Amino acid sequence: MKKFAVVLSGSGVFDGAEIHEATLSMYAIKKQGAEYEIFAPDIDQHHVINHITGEEMDQKRNVLVESARIARGKIKPLSEFNAADFDAILFPGGFGAAKNLSTFAFDGPDCKVNDDVEKSVKAMHQAGKPIAALCISPVLLAKILGDVELTIGQDKDTAAAVEKLGAKHMNTNHGEVTIDAKNNVFTTPCYMLDADITQIADGAENIVRAVLKSLA
Protein backbone atom coordinates (compact mmCIF):
# COMPACT_ATOMS: atom_id res chain seq x y z
CA MET A 1 0.00 0.00 0.00
CA LYS A 2 1.44 3.38 -1.04
CA LYS A 3 1.99 5.96 1.69
CA PHE A 4 1.79 9.75 1.48
CA ALA A 5 3.24 12.31 3.86
CA VAL A 6 0.77 15.21 4.11
CA VAL A 7 2.37 18.45 5.31
CA LEU A 8 0.11 21.03 6.97
CA SER A 9 0.79 24.67 7.80
CA GLY A 10 -1.75 25.39 10.54
CA SER A 11 -5.53 25.35 10.53
CA GLY A 12 -7.48 27.88 8.50
CA VAL A 13 -7.09 29.44 5.07
CA PHE A 14 -5.88 32.91 6.07
CA ASP A 15 -3.09 31.89 8.45
CA GLY A 16 -2.66 28.13 8.04
CA ALA A 17 -3.61 25.14 5.92
CA GLU A 18 -6.75 25.37 3.77
CA ILE A 19 -9.02 22.91 5.58
CA HIS A 20 -11.06 21.79 2.57
CA GLU A 21 -7.91 21.08 0.55
CA ALA A 22 -6.26 19.25 3.45
CA THR A 23 -9.29 17.15 4.33
CA LEU A 24 -10.25 16.30 0.76
CA SER A 25 -6.65 15.34 -0.04
CA MET A 26 -6.62 12.90 2.87
CA TYR A 27 -10.00 11.56 1.78
CA ALA A 28 -8.75 11.11 -1.79
CA ILE A 29 -5.67 9.26 -0.59
CA LYS A 30 -7.70 6.79 1.48
CA LYS A 31 -10.45 6.45 -1.15
CA GLN A 32 -7.89 5.47 -3.75
CA GLY A 33 -6.37 2.77 -1.58
CA ALA A 34 -3.33 4.50 -0.11
CA GLU A 35 -2.33 5.61 3.38
CA TYR A 36 -1.11 8.89 4.81
CA GLU A 37 0.73 10.31 7.77
CA ILE A 38 0.49 13.97 8.74
CA PHE A 39 3.34 16.35 9.55
CA ALA A 40 3.79 20.05 10.32
CA PRO A 41 6.75 22.15 11.40
CA ASP A 42 6.94 22.84 15.14
CA ILE A 43 7.15 26.64 14.81
CA ASP A 44 5.14 29.73 15.70
CA GLN A 45 2.62 30.94 13.14
CA HIS A 46 3.53 34.22 11.48
CA HIS A 47 0.30 35.68 12.87
CA VAL A 48 -3.28 34.74 13.74
CA ILE A 49 -6.19 35.97 11.62
CA ASN A 50 -9.84 36.30 12.67
CA HIS A 51 -11.51 34.33 9.89
CA ILE A 52 -14.74 36.33 10.22
CA THR A 53 -13.32 39.85 10.05
CA GLY A 54 -10.02 39.15 8.31
CA GLU A 55 -8.24 41.17 10.97
CA GLU A 56 -5.07 40.16 12.77
CA MET A 57 -5.54 39.02 16.36
CA ASP A 58 -3.27 39.61 19.34
CA GLN A 59 -2.46 35.92 19.80
CA LYS A 60 0.37 33.47 19.27
CA ARG A 61 -0.23 29.99 17.95
CA ASN A 62 1.96 27.06 17.00
CA VAL A 63 1.79 25.54 13.51
CA LEU A 64 2.11 21.96 14.73
CA VAL A 65 -0.49 22.42 17.48
CA GLU A 66 -2.96 24.10 15.13
CA SER A 67 -2.40 21.48 12.40
CA ALA A 68 -3.20 18.81 14.99
CA ARG A 69 -6.81 20.07 14.90
CA ILE A 70 -7.12 18.81 11.32
CA ALA A 71 -5.09 15.68 12.07
CA ARG A 72 -7.27 14.83 15.10
CA GLY A 73 -4.08 14.81 17.14
CA LYS A 74 -2.30 12.20 15.05
CA ILE A 75 0.60 14.26 13.74
CA LYS A 76 4.37 14.48 13.92
CA PRO A 77 6.85 17.36 13.74
CA LEU A 78 8.16 17.73 10.19
CA SER A 79 11.70 17.46 11.62
CA GLU A 80 10.95 13.73 12.09
CA PHE A 81 10.08 13.16 8.42
CA ASN A 82 12.10 10.40 6.73
CA ALA A 83 11.77 10.18 2.96
CA ALA A 84 12.59 6.46 3.03
CA ASP A 85 9.29 5.79 4.83
CA PHE A 86 7.06 7.37 2.17
CA ASP A 87 6.18 6.97 -1.50
CA ALA A 88 5.01 10.58 -1.99
CA ILE A 89 4.66 13.90 -0.20
CA LEU A 90 1.71 16.29 -0.54
CA PHE A 91 1.30 19.94 0.46
CA PRO A 92 -2.25 21.36 0.68
CA GLY A 93 -2.57 25.10 0.15
CA GLY A 94 -3.78 27.93 2.33
CA PHE A 95 -1.92 31.11 3.25
CA GLY A 96 0.03 29.09 5.81
CA ALA A 97 2.15 27.74 2.95
CA ALA A 98 3.09 31.31 2.07
CA LYS A 99 3.28 32.66 5.63
CA ASN A 100 4.46 29.77 7.83
CA LEU A 101 6.14 27.26 5.52
CA SER A 102 7.73 30.15 3.65
CA THR A 103 7.72 33.96 3.54
CA PHE A 104 6.35 34.12 -0.02
CA ALA A 105 3.29 36.16 1.04
CA PHE A 106 5.60 38.93 2.21
CA ASP A 107 8.78 38.59 0.18
CA GLY A 108 7.64 37.07 -3.13
CA PRO A 109 10.56 35.68 -5.14
CA ASP A 110 12.97 36.76 -2.37
CA CYS A 111 11.21 34.49 0.11
CA LYS A 112 12.80 32.00 2.47
CA VAL A 113 11.49 28.47 3.03
CA ASN A 114 11.31 26.72 6.38
CA ASP A 115 14.35 24.45 6.82
CA ASP A 116 12.32 21.30 7.51
CA VAL A 117 10.11 21.94 4.48
CA GLU A 118 13.17 22.39 2.28
CA LYS A 119 14.82 19.25 3.64
CA SER A 120 11.70 17.14 3.07
CA VAL A 121 11.21 18.34 -0.50
CA LYS A 122 14.87 17.90 -1.39
CA ALA A 123 14.95 14.43 0.15
CA MET A 124 11.94 13.31 -1.90
CA HIS A 125 13.29 14.95 -5.05
CA GLN A 126 16.69 13.29 -4.67
CA ALA A 127 14.94 9.94 -4.14
CA GLY A 128 12.90 10.47 -7.33
CA LYS A 129 9.63 10.27 -5.42
CA PRO A 130 6.46 12.25 -6.27
CA ILE A 131 5.92 15.71 -4.78
CA ALA A 132 2.36 17.07 -4.94
CA ALA A 133 1.29 20.62 -4.18
CA LEU A 134 -2.12 22.30 -4.21
CA CYS A 135 -3.22 25.93 -4.52
CA ILE A 136 -0.43 28.35 -3.47
CA SER A 137 1.92 25.66 -2.12
CA PRO A 138 3.63 25.10 -5.51
CA VAL A 139 5.55 28.32 -4.79
CA LEU A 140 7.51 26.26 -2.25
CA LEU A 141 8.65 23.95 -5.02
CA ALA A 142 9.57 26.85 -7.28
CA LYS A 143 11.77 28.30 -4.55
CA ILE A 144 13.36 24.98 -3.55
CA LEU A 145 13.73 23.27 -6.93
CA GLY A 146 13.91 26.21 -9.34
CA ASP A 147 13.67 24.68 -12.80
CA VAL A 148 10.32 22.92 -12.42
CA GLU A 149 7.03 22.99 -14.34
CA LEU A 150 3.98 23.79 -12.19
CA THR A 151 0.68 25.64 -11.86
CA ILE A 152 -0.90 28.06 -9.43
CA GLY A 153 -3.94 28.49 -11.70
CA GLN A 154 -4.19 31.72 -13.67
CA ASP A 155 -3.06 34.55 -11.38
CA LYS A 156 -0.63 36.60 -13.46
CA ASP A 157 1.30 38.17 -10.57
CA THR A 158 1.88 34.88 -8.77
CA ALA A 159 2.78 33.16 -12.04
CA ALA A 160 5.32 35.91 -12.74
CA ALA A 161 6.81 35.46 -9.27
CA VAL A 162 7.27 31.70 -9.66
CA GLU A 163 8.81 32.19 -13.09
CA LYS A 164 11.23 34.67 -11.54
CA LEU A 165 12.29 31.78 -9.31
CA GLY A 166 13.15 29.77 -12.41
CA ALA A 167 9.97 27.70 -12.67
CA LYS A 168 7.81 27.34 -15.78
CA HIS A 169 4.17 28.20 -15.09
CA MET A 170 1.24 26.50 -16.83
CA ASN A 171 -2.22 28.11 -16.76
CA THR A 172 -4.84 25.63 -15.58
CA ASN A 173 -8.53 25.42 -14.79
CA HIS A 174 -10.53 23.61 -12.10
CA GLY A 175 -9.36 20.09 -11.36
CA GLU A 176 -6.51 20.14 -13.86
CA VAL A 177 -3.16 18.70 -12.82
CA THR A 178 0.19 19.82 -14.20
CA ILE A 179 2.74 17.00 -14.24
CA ASP A 180 6.46 17.63 -14.46
CA ALA A 181 7.60 14.08 -15.24
CA LYS A 182 11.29 14.99 -15.10
CA ASN A 183 11.05 16.24 -11.51
CA ASN A 184 8.12 14.04 -10.47
CA VAL A 185 6.17 17.15 -9.43
CA PHE A 186 2.36 17.32 -9.51
CA THR A 187 0.41 20.57 -8.99
CA THR A 188 -3.24 21.69 -9.16
CA PRO A 189 -4.79 25.15 -8.59
CA CYS A 190 -7.73 24.52 -6.19
CA TYR A 191 -8.64 27.78 -4.38
CA MET A 192 -6.18 29.83 -6.41
CA LEU A 193 -9.18 29.86 -8.74
CA ASP A 194 -12.69 30.97 -7.76
CA ALA A 195 -13.64 27.42 -6.79
CA ASP A 196 -16.35 25.67 -4.82
CA ILE A 197 -15.82 22.65 -2.61
CA THR A 198 -16.78 20.13 -5.32
CA GLN A 199 -14.07 21.57 -7.57
CA ILE A 200 -11.58 21.28 -4.70
CA ALA A 201 -12.58 17.63 -4.35
CA ASP A 202 -11.96 17.14 -8.08
CA GLY A 203 -8.50 18.68 -7.80
CA ALA A 204 -7.58 16.59 -4.77
CA GLU A 205 -8.82 13.36 -6.35
CA ASN A 206 -7.11 14.10 -9.66
CA ILE A 207 -3.72 14.94 -8.17
CA VAL A 208 -3.73 11.88 -5.90
CA ARG A 209 -4.77 9.71 -8.86
CA ALA A 210 -1.94 11.11 -10.97
CA VAL A 211 0.61 10.47 -8.24
CA LEU A 212 -0.57 6.90 -7.70
CA LYS A 213 -0.55 6.25 -11.44
CA SER A 214 3.08 7.35 -11.55
CA LEU A 215 3.88 4.88 -8.76
CA ALA A 216 2.11 1.93 -10.39
C-alpha atoms as a PDB file:
ATOM      1  CA  MET A   1       0.000   0.000   0.000  1.00  0.00           C
ATOM      2  CA  LYS A   2       1.438   3.375  -1.040  1.00  0.00           C
ATOM      3  CA  LYS A   3       1.985   5.956   1.686  1.00  0.00           C
ATOM      4  CA  PHE A   4       1.788   9.752   1.476  1.00  0.00           C
ATOM      5  CA  ALA A   5       3.240  12.307   3.861  1.00  0.00           C
ATOM      6  CA  VAL A   6       0.774  15.213   4.110  1.00  0.00           C
ATOM      7  CA  VAL A   7       2.369  18.451   5.312  1.00  0.00           C
ATOM      8  CA  LEU A   8       0.106  21.028   6.969  1.00  0.00           C
ATOM      9  CA  SER A   9       0.795  24.674   7.796  1.00  0.00           C
ATOM     10  CA  GLY A  10      -1.746  25.395  10.537  1.00  0.00           C
ATOM     11  CA  SER A  11      -5.532  25.349  10.532  1.00  0.00           C
ATOM     12  CA  GLY A  12      -7.483  27.881   8.499  1.00  0.00           C
ATOM     13  CA  VAL A  13      -7.086  29.435   5.067  1.00  0.00           C
ATOM     14  CA  PHE A  14      -5.877  32.909   6.073  1.00  0.00           C
ATOM     15  CA  ASP A  15      -3.087  31.895   8.454  1.00  0.00           C
ATOM     16  CA  GLY A  16      -2.664  28.131   8.044  1.00  0.00           C
ATOM     17  CA  ALA A  17      -3.610  25.143   5.919  1.00  0.00           C
ATOM     18  CA  GLU A  18      -6.752  25.367   3.770  1.00  0.00           C
ATOM     19  CA  ILE A  19      -9.019  22.909   5.579  1.00  0.00           C
ATOM     20  CA  HIS A  20     -11.064  21.787   2.567  1.00  0.00           C
ATOM     21  CA  GLU A  21      -7.915  21.083   0.553  1.00  0.00           C
ATOM     22  CA  ALA A  22      -6.257  19.253   3.449  1.00  0.00           C
ATOM     23  CA  THR A  23      -9.292  17.150   4.328  1.00  0.00           C
ATOM     24  CA  LEU A  24     -10.250  16.297   0.760  1.00  0.00           C
ATOM     25  CA  SER A  25      -6.653  15.336  -0.038  1.00  0.00           C
ATOM     26  CA  MET A  26      -6.615  12.896   2.869  1.00  0.00           C
ATOM     27  CA  TYR A  27      -9.999  11.564   1.776  1.00  0.00           C
ATOM     28  CA  ALA A  28      -8.753  11.111  -1.794  1.00  0.00           C
ATOM     29  CA  ILE A  29      -5.667   9.259  -0.587  1.00  0.00           C
ATOM     30  CA  LYS A  30      -7.704   6.787   1.477  1.00  0.00           C
ATOM     31  CA  LYS A  31     -10.449   6.454  -1.148  1.00  0.00           C
ATOM     32  CA  GLN A  32      -7.892   5.472  -3.754  1.00  0.00           C
ATOM     33  CA  GLY A  33      -6.368   2.767  -1.585  1.00  0.00           C
ATOM     34  CA  ALA A  34      -3.329   4.499  -0.115  1.00  0.00           C
ATOM     35  CA  GLU A  35      -2.326   5.607   3.382  1.00  0.00           C
ATOM     36  CA  TYR A  36      -1.112   8.892   4.808  1.00  0.00           C
ATOM     37  CA  GLU A  37       0.733  10.311   7.772  1.00  0.00           C
ATOM     38  CA  ILE A  38       0.492  13.971   8.744  1.00  0.00           C
ATOM     39  CA  PHE A  39       3.342  16.347   9.545  1.00  0.00           C
ATOM     40  CA  ALA A  40       3.787  20.048  10.320  1.00  0.00           C
ATOM     41  CA  PRO A  41       6.752  22.154  11.404  1.00  0.00           C
ATOM     42  CA  ASP A  42       6.941  22.845  15.139  1.00  0.00           C
ATOM     43  CA  ILE A  43       7.153  26.639  14.810  1.00  0.00           C
ATOM     44  CA  ASP A  44       5.139  29.726  15.698  1.00  0.00           C
ATOM     45  CA  GLN A  45       2.625  30.941  13.135  1.00  0.00           C
ATOM     46  CA  HIS A  46       3.533  34.222  11.482  1.00  0.00           C
ATOM     47  CA  HIS A  47       0.297  35.678  12.871  1.00  0.00           C
ATOM     48  CA  VAL A  48      -3.283  34.741  13.740  1.00  0.00           C
ATOM     49  CA  ILE A  49      -6.193  35.974  11.620  1.00  0.00           C
ATOM     50  CA  ASN A  50      -9.835  36.304  12.671  1.00  0.00           C
ATOM     51  CA  HIS A  51     -11.515  34.333   9.894  1.00  0.00           C
ATOM     52  CA  ILE A  52     -14.740  36.328  10.223  1.00  0.00           C
ATOM     53  CA  THR A  53     -13.319  39.846  10.052  1.00  0.00           C
ATOM     54  CA  GLY A  54     -10.017  39.149   8.310  1.00  0.00           C
ATOM     55  CA  GLU A  55      -8.236  41.171  10.974  1.00  0.00           C
ATOM     56  CA  GLU A  56      -5.066  40.156  12.770  1.00  0.00           C
ATOM     57  CA  MET A  57      -5.538  39.021  16.364  1.00  0.00           C
ATOM     58  CA  ASP A  58      -3.272  39.607  19.336  1.00  0.00           C
ATOM     59  CA  GLN A  59      -2.461  35.920  19.797  1.00  0.00           C
ATOM     60  CA  LYS A  60       0.370  33.470  19.271  1.00  0.00           C
ATOM     61  CA  ARG A  61      -0.232  29.986  17.948  1.00  0.00           C
ATOM     62  CA  ASN A  62       1.965  27.060  17.001  1.00  0.00           C
ATOM     63  CA  VAL A  63       1.785  25.539  13.508  1.00  0.00           C
ATOM     64  CA  LEU A  64       2.108  21.958  14.734  1.00  0.00           C
ATOM     65  CA  VAL A  65      -0.491  22.416  17.480  1.00  0.00           C
ATOM     66  CA  GLU A  66      -2.960  24.101  15.131  1.00  0.00           C
ATOM     67  CA  SER A  67      -2.402  21.479  12.401  1.00  0.00           C
ATOM     68  CA  ALA A  68      -3.198  18.812  14.986  1.00  0.00           C
ATOM     69  CA  ARG A  69      -6.805  20.065  14.895  1.00  0.00           C
ATOM     70  CA  ILE A  70      -7.125  18.805  11.324  1.00  0.00           C
ATOM     71  CA  ALA A  71      -5.091  15.682  12.066  1.00  0.00           C
ATOM     72  CA  ARG A  72      -7.268  14.831  15.096  1.00  0.00           C
ATOM     73  CA  GLY A  73      -4.083  14.812  17.143  1.00  0.00           C
ATOM     74  CA  LYS A  74      -2.301  12.197  15.046  1.00  0.00           C
ATOM     75  CA  ILE A  75       0.599  14.265  13.735  1.00  0.00           C
ATOM     76  CA  LYS A  76       4.373  14.477  13.922  1.00  0.00           C
ATOM     77  CA  PRO A  77       6.854  17.361  13.740  1.00  0.00           C
ATOM     78  CA  LEU A  78       8.159  17.730  10.194  1.00  0.00           C
ATOM     79  CA  SER A  79      11.696  17.456  11.616  1.00  0.00           C
ATOM     80  CA  GLU A  80      10.951  13.725  12.090  1.00  0.00           C
ATOM     81  CA  PHE A  81      10.081  13.157   8.418  1.00  0.00           C
ATOM     82  CA  ASN A  82      12.101  10.405   6.732  1.00  0.00           C
ATOM     83  CA  ALA A  83      11.772  10.178   2.961  1.00  0.00           C
ATOM     84  CA  ALA A  84      12.588   6.459   3.032  1.00  0.00           C
ATOM     85  CA  ASP A  85       9.293   5.786   4.829  1.00  0.00           C
ATOM     86  CA  PHE A  86       7.064   7.366   2.166  1.00  0.00           C
ATOM     87  CA  ASP A  87       6.185   6.969  -1.496  1.00  0.00           C
ATOM     88  CA  ALA A  88       5.005  10.584  -1.988  1.00  0.00           C
ATOM     89  CA  ILE A  89       4.663  13.902  -0.198  1.00  0.00           C
ATOM     90  CA  LEU A  90       1.710  16.292  -0.537  1.00  0.00           C
ATOM     91  CA  PHE A  91       1.300  19.936   0.458  1.00  0.00           C
ATOM     92  CA  PRO A  92      -2.252  21.360   0.684  1.00  0.00           C
ATOM     93  CA  GLY A  93      -2.569  25.097   0.151  1.00  0.00           C
ATOM     94  CA  GLY A  94      -3.781  27.930   2.330  1.00  0.00           C
ATOM     95  CA  PHE A  95      -1.919  31.112   3.250  1.00  0.00           C
ATOM     96  CA  GLY A  96       0.031  29.087   5.808  1.00  0.00           C
ATOM     97  CA  ALA A  97       2.151  27.741   2.949  1.00  0.00           C
ATOM     98  CA  ALA A  98       3.094  31.308   2.066  1.00  0.00           C
ATOM     99  CA  LYS A  99       3.282  32.664   5.634  1.00  0.00           C
ATOM    100  CA  ASN A 100       4.460  29.773   7.829  1.00  0.00           C
ATOM    101  CA  LEU A 101       6.140  27.259   5.520  1.00  0.00           C
ATOM    102  CA  SER A 102       7.732  30.154   3.650  1.00  0.00           C
ATOM    103  CA  THR A 103       7.720  33.956   3.538  1.00  0.00           C
ATOM    104  CA  PHE A 104       6.348  34.121  -0.023  1.00  0.00           C
ATOM    105  CA  ALA A 105       3.293  36.161   1.044  1.00  0.00           C
ATOM    106  CA  PHE A 106       5.595  38.933   2.213  1.00  0.00           C
ATOM    107  CA  ASP A 107       8.778  38.590   0.176  1.00  0.00           C
ATOM    108  CA  GLY A 108       7.637  37.072  -3.130  1.00  0.00           C
ATOM    109  CA  PRO A 109      10.563  35.680  -5.145  1.00  0.00           C
ATOM    110  CA  ASP A 110      12.972  36.760  -2.372  1.00  0.00           C
ATOM    111  CA  CYS A 111      11.214  34.486   0.111  1.00  0.00           C
ATOM    112  CA  LYS A 112      12.798  32.003   2.469  1.00  0.00           C
ATOM    113  CA  VAL A 113      11.487  28.474   3.028  1.00  0.00           C
ATOM    114  CA  ASN A 114      11.310  26.723   6.382  1.00  0.00           C
ATOM    115  CA  ASP A 115      14.345  24.450   6.821  1.00  0.00           C
ATOM    116  CA  ASP A 116      12.315  21.295   7.514  1.00  0.00           C
ATOM    117  CA  VAL A 117      10.107  21.936   4.475  1.00  0.00           C
ATOM    118  CA  GLU A 118      13.166  22.392   2.283  1.00  0.00           C
ATOM    119  CA  LYS A 119      14.815  19.254   3.643  1.00  0.00           C
ATOM    120  CA  SER A 120      11.698  17.136   3.073  1.00  0.00           C
ATOM    121  CA  VAL A 121      11.212  18.343  -0.499  1.00  0.00           C
ATOM    122  CA  LYS A 122      14.874  17.900  -1.394  1.00  0.00           C
ATOM    123  CA  ALA A 123      14.951  14.426   0.145  1.00  0.00           C
ATOM    124  CA  MET A 124      11.943  13.306  -1.897  1.00  0.00           C
ATOM    125  CA  HIS A 125      13.289  14.947  -5.050  1.00  0.00           C
ATOM    126  CA  GLN A 126      16.687  13.292  -4.674  1.00  0.00           C
ATOM    127  CA  ALA A 127      14.938   9.945  -4.137  1.00  0.00           C
ATOM    128  CA  GLY A 128      12.903  10.467  -7.328  1.00  0.00           C
ATOM    129  CA  LYS A 129       9.632  10.270  -5.416  1.00  0.00           C
ATOM    130  CA  PRO A 130       6.463  12.250  -6.273  1.00  0.00           C
ATOM    131  CA  ILE A 131       5.922  15.706  -4.782  1.00  0.00           C
ATOM    132  CA  ALA A 132       2.359  17.067  -4.944  1.00  0.00           C
ATOM    133  CA  ALA A 133       1.289  20.622  -4.176  1.00  0.00           C
ATOM    134  CA  LEU A 134      -2.124  22.300  -4.214  1.00  0.00           C
ATOM    135  CA  CYS A 135      -3.218  25.928  -4.516  1.00  0.00           C
ATOM    136  CA  ILE A 136      -0.432  28.350  -3.467  1.00  0.00           C
ATOM    137  CA  SER A 137       1.921  25.663  -2.122  1.00  0.00           C
ATOM    138  CA  PRO A 138       3.632  25.095  -5.511  1.00  0.00           C
ATOM    139  CA  VAL A 139       5.550  28.318  -4.790  1.00  0.00           C
ATOM    140  CA  LEU A 140       7.506  26.265  -2.248  1.00  0.00           C
ATOM    141  CA  LEU A 141       8.646  23.946  -5.017  1.00  0.00           C
ATOM    142  CA  ALA A 142       9.569  26.846  -7.280  1.00  0.00           C
ATOM    143  CA  LYS A 143      11.773  28.295  -4.552  1.00  0.00           C
ATOM    144  CA  ILE A 144      13.363  24.982  -3.546  1.00  0.00           C
ATOM    145  CA  LEU A 145      13.733  23.267  -6.933  1.00  0.00           C
ATOM    146  CA  GLY A 146      13.906  26.210  -9.337  1.00  0.00           C
ATOM    147  CA  ASP A 147      13.666  24.676 -12.803  1.00  0.00           C
ATOM    148  CA  VAL A 148      10.319  22.921 -12.422  1.00  0.00           C
ATOM    149  CA  GLU A 149       7.027  22.988 -14.336  1.00  0.00           C
ATOM    150  CA  LEU A 150       3.980  23.787 -12.187  1.00  0.00           C
ATOM    151  CA  THR A 151       0.683  25.636 -11.861  1.00  0.00           C
ATOM    152  CA  ILE A 152      -0.898  28.059  -9.432  1.00  0.00           C
ATOM    153  CA  GLY A 153      -3.938  28.490 -11.698  1.00  0.00           C
ATOM    154  CA  GLN A 154      -4.192  31.717 -13.672  1.00  0.00           C
ATOM    155  CA  ASP A 155      -3.063  34.548 -11.383  1.00  0.00           C
ATOM    156  CA  LYS A 156      -0.625  36.600 -13.457  1.00  0.00           C
ATOM    157  CA  ASP A 157       1.298  38.173 -10.574  1.00  0.00           C
ATOM    158  CA  THR A 158       1.880  34.882  -8.767  1.00  0.00           C
ATOM    159  CA  ALA A 159       2.781  33.163 -12.037  1.00  0.00           C
ATOM    160  CA  ALA A 160       5.320  35.910 -12.742  1.00  0.00           C
ATOM    161  CA  ALA A 161       6.808  35.465  -9.271  1.00  0.00           C
ATOM    162  CA  VAL A 162       7.266  31.705  -9.657  1.00  0.00           C
ATOM    163  CA  GLU A 163       8.813  32.194 -13.088  1.00  0.00           C
ATOM    164  CA  LYS A 164      11.228  34.674 -11.539  1.00  0.00           C
ATOM    165  CA  LEU A 165      12.293  31.779  -9.308  1.00  0.00           C
ATOM    166  CA  GLY A 166      13.145  29.766 -12.411  1.00  0.00           C
ATOM    167  CA  ALA A 167       9.969  27.698 -12.673  1.00  0.00           C
ATOM    168  CA  LYS A 168       7.810  27.340 -15.775  1.00  0.00           C
ATOM    169  CA  HIS A 169       4.171  28.199 -15.086  1.00  0.00           C
ATOM    170  CA  MET A 170       1.243  26.504 -16.828  1.00  0.00           C
ATOM    171  CA  ASN A 171      -2.218  28.106 -16.764  1.00  0.00           C
ATOM    172  CA  THR A 172      -4.840  25.627 -15.583  1.00  0.00           C
ATOM    173  CA  ASN A 173      -8.526  25.416 -14.785  1.00  0.00           C
ATOM    174  CA  HIS A 174     -10.531  23.614 -12.100  1.00  0.00           C
ATOM    175  CA  GLY A 175      -9.360  20.090 -11.359  1.00  0.00           C
ATOM    176  CA  GLU A 176      -6.510  20.136 -13.857  1.00  0.00           C
ATOM    177  CA  VAL A 177      -3.160  18.701 -12.822  1.00  0.00           C
ATOM    178  CA  THR A 178       0.194  19.821 -14.200  1.00  0.00           C
ATOM    179  CA  ILE A 179       2.736  17.003 -14.237  1.00  0.00           C
ATOM    180  CA  ASP A 180       6.463  17.630 -14.460  1.00  0.00           C
ATOM    181  CA  ALA A 181       7.598  14.083 -15.240  1.00  0.00           C
ATOM    182  CA  LYS A 182      11.293  14.995 -15.096  1.00  0.00           C
ATOM    183  CA  ASN A 183      11.054  16.242 -11.512  1.00  0.00           C
ATOM    184  CA  ASN A 184       8.120  14.036 -10.470  1.00  0.00           C
ATOM    185  CA  VAL A 185       6.166  17.150  -9.435  1.00  0.00           C
ATOM    186  CA  PHE A 186       2.358  17.323  -9.506  1.00  0.00           C
ATOM    187  CA  THR A 187       0.409  20.569  -8.991  1.00  0.00           C
ATOM    188  CA  THR A 188      -3.237  21.687  -9.157  1.00  0.00           C
ATOM    189  CA  PRO A 189      -4.787  25.150  -8.585  1.00  0.00           C
ATOM    190  CA  CYS A 190      -7.726  24.517  -6.194  1.00  0.00           C
ATOM    191  CA  TYR A 191      -8.641  27.784  -4.381  1.00  0.00           C
ATOM    192  CA  MET A 192      -6.179  29.834  -6.409  1.00  0.00           C
ATOM    193  CA  LEU A 193      -9.181  29.861  -8.737  1.00  0.00           C
ATOM    194  CA  ASP A 194     -12.694  30.973  -7.758  1.00  0.00           C
ATOM    195  CA  ALA A 195     -13.637  27.421  -6.790  1.00  0.00           C
ATOM    196  CA  ASP A 196     -16.353  25.668  -4.820  1.00  0.00           C
ATOM    197  CA  ILE A 197     -15.824  22.646  -2.606  1.00  0.00           C
ATOM    198  CA  THR A 198     -16.777  20.135  -5.321  1.00  0.00           C
ATOM    199  CA  GLN A 199     -14.069  21.573  -7.569  1.00  0.00           C
ATOM    200  CA  ILE A 200     -11.584  21.282  -4.699  1.00  0.00           C
ATOM    201  CA  ALA A 201     -12.578  17.631  -4.353  1.00  0.00           C
ATOM    202  CA  ASP A 202     -11.957  17.141  -8.080  1.00  0.00           C
ATOM    203  CA  GLY A 203      -8.495  18.683  -7.803  1.00  0.00           C
ATOM    204  CA  ALA A 204      -7.578  16.589  -4.766  1.00  0.00           C
ATOM    205  CA  GLU A 205      -8.816  13.358  -6.353  1.00  0.00           C
ATOM    206  CA  ASN A 206      -7.106  14.095  -9.655  1.00  0.00           C
ATOM    207  CA  ILE A 207      -3.717  14.941  -8.168  1.00  0.00           C
ATOM    208  CA  VAL A 208      -3.731  11.880  -5.904  1.00  0.00           C
ATOM    209  CA  ARG A 209      -4.773   9.708  -8.857  1.00  0.00           C
ATOM    210  CA  ALA A 210      -1.944  11.112 -10.972  1.00  0.00           C
ATOM    211  CA  VAL A 211       0.610  10.473  -8.235  1.00  0.00           C
ATOM    212  CA  LEU A 212      -0.573   6.901  -7.697  1.00  0.00           C
ATOM    213  CA  LYS A 213      -0.551   6.245 -11.440  1.00  0.00           C
ATOM    214  CA  SER A 214       3.080   7.351 -11.546  1.00  0.00           C
ATOM    215  CA  LEU A 215       3.881   4.883  -8.760  1.00  0.00           C
ATOM    216  CA  ALA A 216       2.108   1.928 -10.392  1.00  0.00           C
END
